[in-house]
Amino acid sequence: MTEADAALLRFIEMLADRDYRFVTPTPATQARVVARRSAAEVFTRR
């Protein structure tokens, strides 16, 4: 195991110890975020 692999493993173990959960956003969620950001840019450029 390389040093980088060991560091990644320690990081993953730390996240598990803290009960960290991550949910991957769906493409639909990403599209809403992008659309919202684009709409906000339109309003701020006026």
N, C-alpha and C. Protein backbone atom coordinates (compact mmCIF):
# COMPACT_ATOMS: atom_id res chain seq x y z
N MET A 1 0.85 -1.17 0.00
CA MET A 1 0.00 0.00 0.00
C MET A 1 0.90 1.24 0.00
N THR A 2 0.56 2.17 -0.87
CA THR A 2 1.36 3.40 -0.94
C THR A 2 0.98 4.33 0.21
N GLU A 3 1.81 5.35 0.40
CA GLU A 3 1.53 6.34 1.43
C GLU A 3 0.22 7.07 1.14
N ALA A 4 -0.02 7.35 -0.14
CA ALA A 4 -1.27 8.02 -0.53
C ALA A 4 -2.47 7.13 -0.24
N ASP A 5 -2.35 5.83 -0.52
CA ASP A 5 -3.43 4.89 -0.22
C ASP A 5 -3.72 4.84 1.27
N ALA A 6 -2.67 4.80 2.07
CA ALA A 6 -2.83 4.75 3.52
C ALA A 6 -3.51 6.02 4.04
N ALA A 7 -3.13 7.17 3.48
CA ALA A 7 -3.74 8.43 3.89
C ALA A 7 -5.22 8.44 3.53
N LEU A 8 -5.57 7.97 2.34
CA LEU A 8 -6.96 7.91 1.93
C LEU A 8 -7.75 6.97 2.83
N LEU A 9 -7.17 5.83 3.17
CA LEU A 9 -7.83 4.89 4.06
C LEU A 9 -8.08 5.51 5.43
N ARG A 10 -7.10 6.23 5.97
CA ARG A 10 -7.29 6.91 7.26
C ARG A 10 -8.41 7.94 7.18
N PHE A 11 -8.45 8.67 6.07
CA PHE A 11 -9.49 9.67 5.88
C PHE A 11 -10.87 9.02 5.83
N ILE A 12 -10.99 7.94 5.09
CA ILE A 12 -12.27 7.22 4.99
C ILE A 12 -12.68 6.68 6.36
N GLU A 13 -11.73 6.15 7.10
CA GLU A 13 -12.03 5.63 8.44
C GLU A 13 -12.48 6.76 9.37
N MET A 14 -11.86 7.94 9.26
CA MET A 14 -12.26 9.08 10.08
C MET A 14 -13.70 9.48 9.76
N LEU A 15 -14.04 9.50 8.47
CA LEU A 15 -15.40 9.83 8.08
C LEU A 15 -16.40 8.81 8.63
N ALA A 16 -16.04 7.55 8.56
CA ALA A 16 -16.90 6.49 9.09
C ALA A 16 -17.07 6.63 10.60
N ASP A 17 -15.99 6.96 11.31
CA ASP A 17 -16.06 7.14 12.76
C ASP A 17 -17.00 8.27 13.14
N ARG A 18 -17.13 9.26 12.26
CA ARG A 18 -17.99 10.42 12.52
C ARG A 18 -19.38 10.24 11.92
N ASP A 19 -19.68 9.04 11.43
CA ASP A 19 -20.98 8.73 10.81
C ASP A 19 -21.30 9.66 9.64
N TYR A 20 -20.28 10.05 8.90
CA TYR A 20 -20.47 10.92 7.75
C TYR A 20 -21.25 10.19 6.67
N ARG A 21 -22.22 10.87 6.10
CA ARG A 21 -23.01 10.32 5.00
C ARG A 21 -22.98 11.31 3.84
N PHE A 22 -22.87 10.80 2.64
CA PHE A 22 -22.89 11.63 1.45
C PHE A 22 -23.87 11.02 0.46
N VAL A 23 -24.75 11.87 -0.06
CA VAL A 23 -25.71 11.42 -1.07
C VAL A 23 -25.34 12.13 -2.37
N THR A 24 -25.10 11.35 -3.38
CA THR A 24 -24.74 11.91 -4.68
C THR A 24 -25.97 12.57 -5.29
N PRO A 25 -25.84 13.83 -5.70
CA PRO A 25 -26.99 14.49 -6.34
C PRO A 25 -27.30 13.85 -7.69
N THR A 26 -28.56 13.85 -8.02
CA THR A 26 -28.99 13.29 -9.31
C THR A 26 -28.76 14.32 -10.41
N PRO A 27 -28.79 13.90 -11.66
CA PRO A 27 -28.69 14.87 -12.75
C PRO A 27 -29.79 15.93 -12.69
N ALA A 28 -30.99 15.55 -12.25
CA ALA A 28 -32.09 16.52 -12.13
C ALA A 28 -31.77 17.58 -11.06
N THR A 29 -31.19 17.15 -9.96
CA THR A 29 -30.80 18.10 -8.92
C THR A 29 -29.74 19.05 -9.46
N GLN A 30 -28.77 18.53 -10.15
CA GLN A 30 -27.71 19.36 -10.72
C GLN A 30 -28.30 20.38 -11.70
N ALA A 31 -29.26 19.94 -12.50
CA ALA A 31 -29.89 20.85 -13.47
C ALA A 31 -30.62 21.98 -12.76
N ARG A 32 -31.30 21.67 -11.64
CA ARG A 32 -31.99 22.73 -10.88
C ARG A 32 -31.00 23.73 -10.31
N VAL A 33 -29.89 23.24 -9.80
CA VAL A 33 -28.87 24.13 -9.24
C VAL A 33 -28.31 25.04 -10.32
N VAL A 34 -28.01 24.48 -11.47
CA VAL A 34 -27.47 25.27 -12.57
C VAL A 34 -28.49 26.30 -13.04
N ALA A 35 -29.75 25.89 -13.15
CA ALA A 35 -30.80 26.81 -13.58
C ALA A 35 -30.98 27.94 -12.58
N ARG A 36 -30.95 27.61 -11.31
CA ARG A 36 -31.11 28.62 -10.26
C ARG A 36 -29.93 29.60 -10.31
N ARG A 37 -28.73 29.08 -10.49
CA ARG A 37 -27.54 29.93 -10.57
C ARG A 37 -27.64 30.83 -11.80
N SER A 38 -28.08 30.30 -12.91
CA SER A 38 -28.20 31.09 -14.14
C SER A 38 -29.24 32.19 -13.96
N ALA A 39 -30.35 31.88 -13.30
CA ALA A 39 -31.39 32.88 -13.06
C ALA A 39 -30.87 33.98 -12.14
N ALA A 40 -30.11 33.61 -11.14
CA ALA A 40 -29.54 34.59 -10.21
C ALA A 40 -28.56 35.50 -10.93
N GLU A 41 -27.80 34.97 -11.86
CA GLU A 41 -26.84 35.79 -12.62
C GLU A 41 -27.58 36.80 -13.49
N VAL A 42 -28.73 36.42 -14.02
CA VAL A 42 -29.51 37.34 -14.86
C VAL A 42 -29.96 38.52 -14.01
N PHE A 43 -30.44 38.26 -12.80
CA PHE A 43 -30.92 39.33 -11.95
C PHE A 43 -29.79 40.23 -11.46
N THR A 44 -28.62 39.68 -11.22
CA THR A 44 -27.54 40.50 -10.69
C THR A 44 -26.85 41.31 -11.78
N ARG A 45 -27.06 40.97 -13.02
CA ARG A 45 -26.41 41.70 -14.12
C ARG A 45 -27.25 42.88 -14.63
N ARG A 46 -28.44 43.03 -14.11
CA ARG A 46 -29.30 44.13 -14.56
C ARG A 46 -28.87 45.44 -14.02
